[in-house]
Amino acid sequence: MTNIIVACGKSKTSYPAPAHQLYTGPYYRLAIGCAKRWASLDDIYIFSAKYGVIHSSTILEPYEQTLSMPG
């Protein structure tokens, strides 16, 4: 088993979605695409600016917090 952590992105959907689908920016899309080549979604985690490290299937509400904005 290989666990992979991918950083979140600033661009998000406007509706709740699983973490792996919530972020929509080009850097995130590239990172999650690479992660999926090495591991299944069951083994991928997202480092969310608001929620910390969460499983890729966790349903999240869109939010405006960034890693450079403490909260």
N, C-alpha and C. Protein backbone atom coordinates (compact mmCIF):
# COMPACT_ATOMS: atom_id res chain seq x y z
N MET A 1 0.84 -1.17 0.00
CA MET A 1 0.00 0.00 0.00
C MET A 1 0.89 1.24 0.00
N THR A 2 0.55 2.19 -0.88
CA THR A 2 1.25 3.45 -0.98
C THR A 2 0.28 4.57 -0.69
N ASN A 3 0.51 5.34 0.34
CA ASN A 3 -0.32 6.50 0.62
C ASN A 3 0.33 7.72 0.01
N ILE A 4 -0.47 8.56 -0.62
CA ILE A 4 0.02 9.78 -1.25
C ILE A 4 -0.78 10.95 -0.72
N ILE A 5 -0.10 12.05 -0.42
CA ILE A 5 -0.76 13.28 0.01
C ILE A 5 -0.55 14.33 -1.07
N VAL A 6 -1.65 14.93 -1.50
CA VAL A 6 -1.64 15.97 -2.53
C VAL A 6 -2.11 17.27 -1.89
N ALA A 7 -1.46 18.38 -2.19
CA ALA A 7 -1.89 19.68 -1.66
C ALA A 7 -3.17 20.13 -2.34
N CYS A 8 -3.99 20.85 -1.59
CA CYS A 8 -5.23 21.39 -2.14
C CYS A 8 -4.92 22.51 -3.14
N GLY A 9 -5.97 23.08 -3.69
CA GLY A 9 -5.80 24.21 -4.60
C GLY A 9 -6.77 25.32 -4.25
N LYS A 10 -6.49 26.51 -4.74
CA LYS A 10 -7.34 27.66 -4.45
C LYS A 10 -8.68 27.58 -5.18
N SER A 11 -8.66 27.15 -6.44
CA SER A 11 -9.89 27.07 -7.24
C SER A 11 -10.69 25.84 -6.83
N LYS A 12 -11.99 26.05 -6.62
CA LYS A 12 -12.86 24.96 -6.17
C LYS A 12 -14.20 25.01 -6.90
N THR A 13 -14.93 23.92 -6.81
CA THR A 13 -16.30 23.91 -7.32
C THR A 13 -17.14 24.83 -6.44
N SER A 14 -18.34 25.13 -6.86
CA SER A 14 -19.23 25.98 -6.07
C SER A 14 -20.21 25.17 -5.23
N TYR A 15 -20.02 23.86 -5.20
CA TYR A 15 -20.94 22.95 -4.50
C TYR A 15 -20.14 21.90 -3.74
N PRO A 16 -20.73 21.27 -2.72
CA PRO A 16 -20.02 20.22 -1.98
C PRO A 16 -19.64 19.07 -2.92
N ALA A 17 -18.47 18.50 -2.67
CA ALA A 17 -17.97 17.41 -3.51
C ALA A 17 -16.93 16.61 -2.74
N PRO A 18 -16.66 15.37 -3.19
CA PRO A 18 -15.55 14.62 -2.59
C PRO A 18 -14.26 15.44 -2.76
N ALA A 19 -13.39 15.39 -1.80
CA ALA A 19 -12.17 16.20 -1.83
C ALA A 19 -11.41 16.07 -3.15
N HIS A 20 -11.32 14.89 -3.70
CA HIS A 20 -10.55 14.72 -4.93
C HIS A 20 -11.21 15.40 -6.14
N GLN A 21 -12.48 15.80 -6.02
CA GLN A 21 -13.17 16.50 -7.10
C GLN A 21 -13.43 17.97 -6.77
N LEU A 22 -13.26 18.37 -5.52
CA LEU A 22 -13.58 19.74 -5.11
C LEU A 22 -12.65 20.76 -5.75
N TYR A 23 -11.36 20.46 -5.79
CA TYR A 23 -10.36 21.40 -6.28
C TYR A 23 -10.27 21.30 -7.80
N THR A 24 -10.17 22.46 -8.46
CA THR A 24 -10.29 22.46 -9.93
C THR A 24 -9.13 23.13 -10.65
N GLY A 25 -8.17 23.68 -9.94
CA GLY A 25 -7.07 24.41 -10.57
C GLY A 25 -6.14 23.48 -11.36
N PRO A 26 -5.39 24.03 -12.30
CA PRO A 26 -4.52 23.22 -13.16
C PRO A 26 -3.40 22.49 -12.40
N TYR A 27 -2.78 23.15 -11.42
CA TYR A 27 -1.72 22.48 -10.66
C TYR A 27 -2.28 21.30 -9.87
N TYR A 28 -3.43 21.52 -9.22
CA TYR A 28 -4.05 20.42 -8.47
C TYR A 28 -4.44 19.28 -9.40
N ARG A 29 -5.05 19.59 -10.54
CA ARG A 29 -5.48 18.55 -11.48
C ARG A 29 -4.28 17.71 -11.94
N LEU A 30 -3.16 18.37 -12.18
CA LEU A 30 -1.94 17.65 -12.56
C LEU A 30 -1.47 16.76 -11.41
N ALA A 31 -1.45 17.31 -10.20
CA ALA A 31 -0.98 16.55 -9.03
C ALA A 31 -1.87 15.34 -8.75
N ILE A 32 -3.19 15.52 -8.79
CA ILE A 32 -4.08 14.39 -8.50
C ILE A 32 -4.00 13.35 -9.62
N GLY A 33 -3.80 13.81 -10.85
CA GLY A 33 -3.64 12.88 -11.97
C GLY A 33 -2.40 12.01 -11.79
N CYS A 34 -1.30 12.63 -11.36
CA CYS A 34 -0.07 11.87 -11.10
C CYS A 34 -0.27 10.90 -9.94
N ALA A 35 -0.93 11.36 -8.89
CA ALA A 35 -1.17 10.51 -7.72
C ALA A 35 -1.98 9.27 -8.11
N LYS A 36 -2.97 9.45 -8.99
CA LYS A 36 -3.81 8.32 -9.41
C LYS A 36 -3.03 7.31 -10.23
N ARG A 37 -1.92 7.71 -10.81
CA ARG A 37 -1.09 6.76 -11.56
C ARG A 37 -0.31 5.84 -10.61
N TRP A 38 -0.07 6.31 -9.38
CA TRP A 38 0.72 5.57 -8.42
C TRP A 38 -0.11 4.86 -7.35
N ALA A 39 -1.34 5.33 -7.15
CA ALA A 39 -2.17 4.76 -6.08
C ALA A 39 -3.65 4.90 -6.43
N SER A 40 -4.47 4.11 -5.77
CA SER A 40 -5.91 4.24 -5.96
C SER A 40 -6.43 5.38 -5.08
N LEU A 41 -7.64 5.85 -5.36
CA LEU A 41 -8.22 6.91 -4.54
C LEU A 41 -8.33 6.50 -3.07
N ASP A 42 -8.41 5.20 -2.81
CA ASP A 42 -8.46 4.73 -1.42
C ASP A 42 -7.19 5.08 -0.65
N ASP A 43 -6.09 5.28 -1.37
CA ASP A 43 -4.80 5.55 -0.74
C ASP A 43 -4.31 6.98 -0.95
N ILE A 44 -5.19 7.86 -1.43
CA ILE A 44 -4.81 9.25 -1.67
C ILE A 44 -5.49 10.15 -0.63
N TYR A 45 -4.71 11.06 -0.08
CA TYR A 45 -5.18 12.03 0.89
C TYR A 45 -4.91 13.43 0.37
N ILE A 46 -5.71 14.38 0.81
CA ILE A 46 -5.57 15.76 0.39
C ILE A 46 -5.17 16.59 1.61
N PHE A 47 -4.17 17.46 1.44
CA PHE A 47 -3.80 18.40 2.50
C PHE A 47 -4.61 19.66 2.25
N SER A 48 -5.71 19.80 2.99
CA SER A 48 -6.64 20.91 2.86
C SER A 48 -6.24 22.07 3.77
N ALA A 49 -6.29 23.29 3.25
CA ALA A 49 -5.96 24.47 4.05
C ALA A 49 -6.91 24.64 5.23
N LYS A 50 -8.13 24.22 5.08
CA LYS A 50 -9.11 24.38 6.15
C LYS A 50 -9.23 23.16 7.05
N TYR A 51 -9.16 21.96 6.48
CA TYR A 51 -9.47 20.74 7.23
C TYR A 51 -8.26 19.89 7.60
N GLY A 52 -7.08 20.24 7.15
CA GLY A 52 -5.89 19.42 7.41
C GLY A 52 -5.82 18.27 6.42
N VAL A 53 -5.22 17.17 6.82
CA VAL A 53 -5.09 16.00 5.94
C VAL A 53 -6.38 15.20 6.01
N ILE A 54 -7.02 15.05 4.85
CA ILE A 54 -8.30 14.34 4.79
C ILE A 54 -8.26 13.31 3.67
N HIS A 55 -9.09 12.30 3.78
CA HIS A 55 -9.17 11.27 2.75
C HIS A 55 -9.79 11.85 1.49
N SER A 56 -9.37 11.36 0.34
CA SER A 56 -9.83 11.90 -0.95
C SER A 56 -11.33 11.78 -1.17
N SER A 57 -11.98 10.86 -0.48
CA SER A 57 -13.42 10.68 -0.68
C SER A 57 -14.28 11.50 0.30
N THR A 58 -13.64 12.21 1.23
CA THR A 58 -14.38 13.02 2.20
C THR A 58 -15.13 14.14 1.48
N ILE A 59 -16.42 14.25 1.75
CA ILE A 59 -17.23 15.30 1.13
C ILE A 59 -16.94 16.62 1.86
N LEU A 60 -16.59 17.65 1.08
CA LEU A 60 -16.28 18.96 1.64
C LEU A 60 -17.15 20.04 1.02
N GLU A 61 -17.45 21.04 1.83
CA GLU A 61 -18.09 22.26 1.34
C GLU A 61 -16.99 23.15 0.78
N PRO A 62 -17.26 23.90 -0.28
CA PRO A 62 -16.26 24.85 -0.76
C PRO A 62 -15.93 25.87 0.34
N TYR A 63 -14.70 26.36 0.36
CA TYR A 63 -14.27 27.31 1.37
C TYR A 63 -13.26 28.27 0.75
N GLU A 64 -12.96 29.35 1.45
CA GLU A 64 -12.07 30.38 0.92
C GLU A 64 -10.72 30.45 1.61
N GLN A 65 -10.44 29.63 2.57
CA GLN A 65 -9.16 29.66 3.30
C GLN A 65 -8.04 29.13 2.43
N THR A 66 -6.84 29.72 2.56
CA THR A 66 -5.68 29.24 1.83
C THR A 66 -4.59 28.88 2.83
N LEU A 67 -3.57 28.16 2.38
CA LEU A 67 -2.47 27.76 3.26
C LEU A 67 -1.70 28.98 3.76
N SER A 68 -1.71 30.07 3.02
CA SER A 68 -1.00 31.28 3.45
C SER A 68 -1.84 32.17 4.35
N MET A 69 -3.08 31.74 4.62
CA MET A 69 -4.01 32.51 5.44
C MET A 69 -4.33 31.71 6.70
N PRO A 70 -3.63 31.97 7.81
CA PRO A 70 -3.89 31.18 9.02
C PRO A 70 -5.35 31.31 9.46
N GLY A 71 -5.87 30.24 10.01
CA GLY A 71 -7.26 30.31 10.43
C GLY A 71 -7.58 29.28 11.41
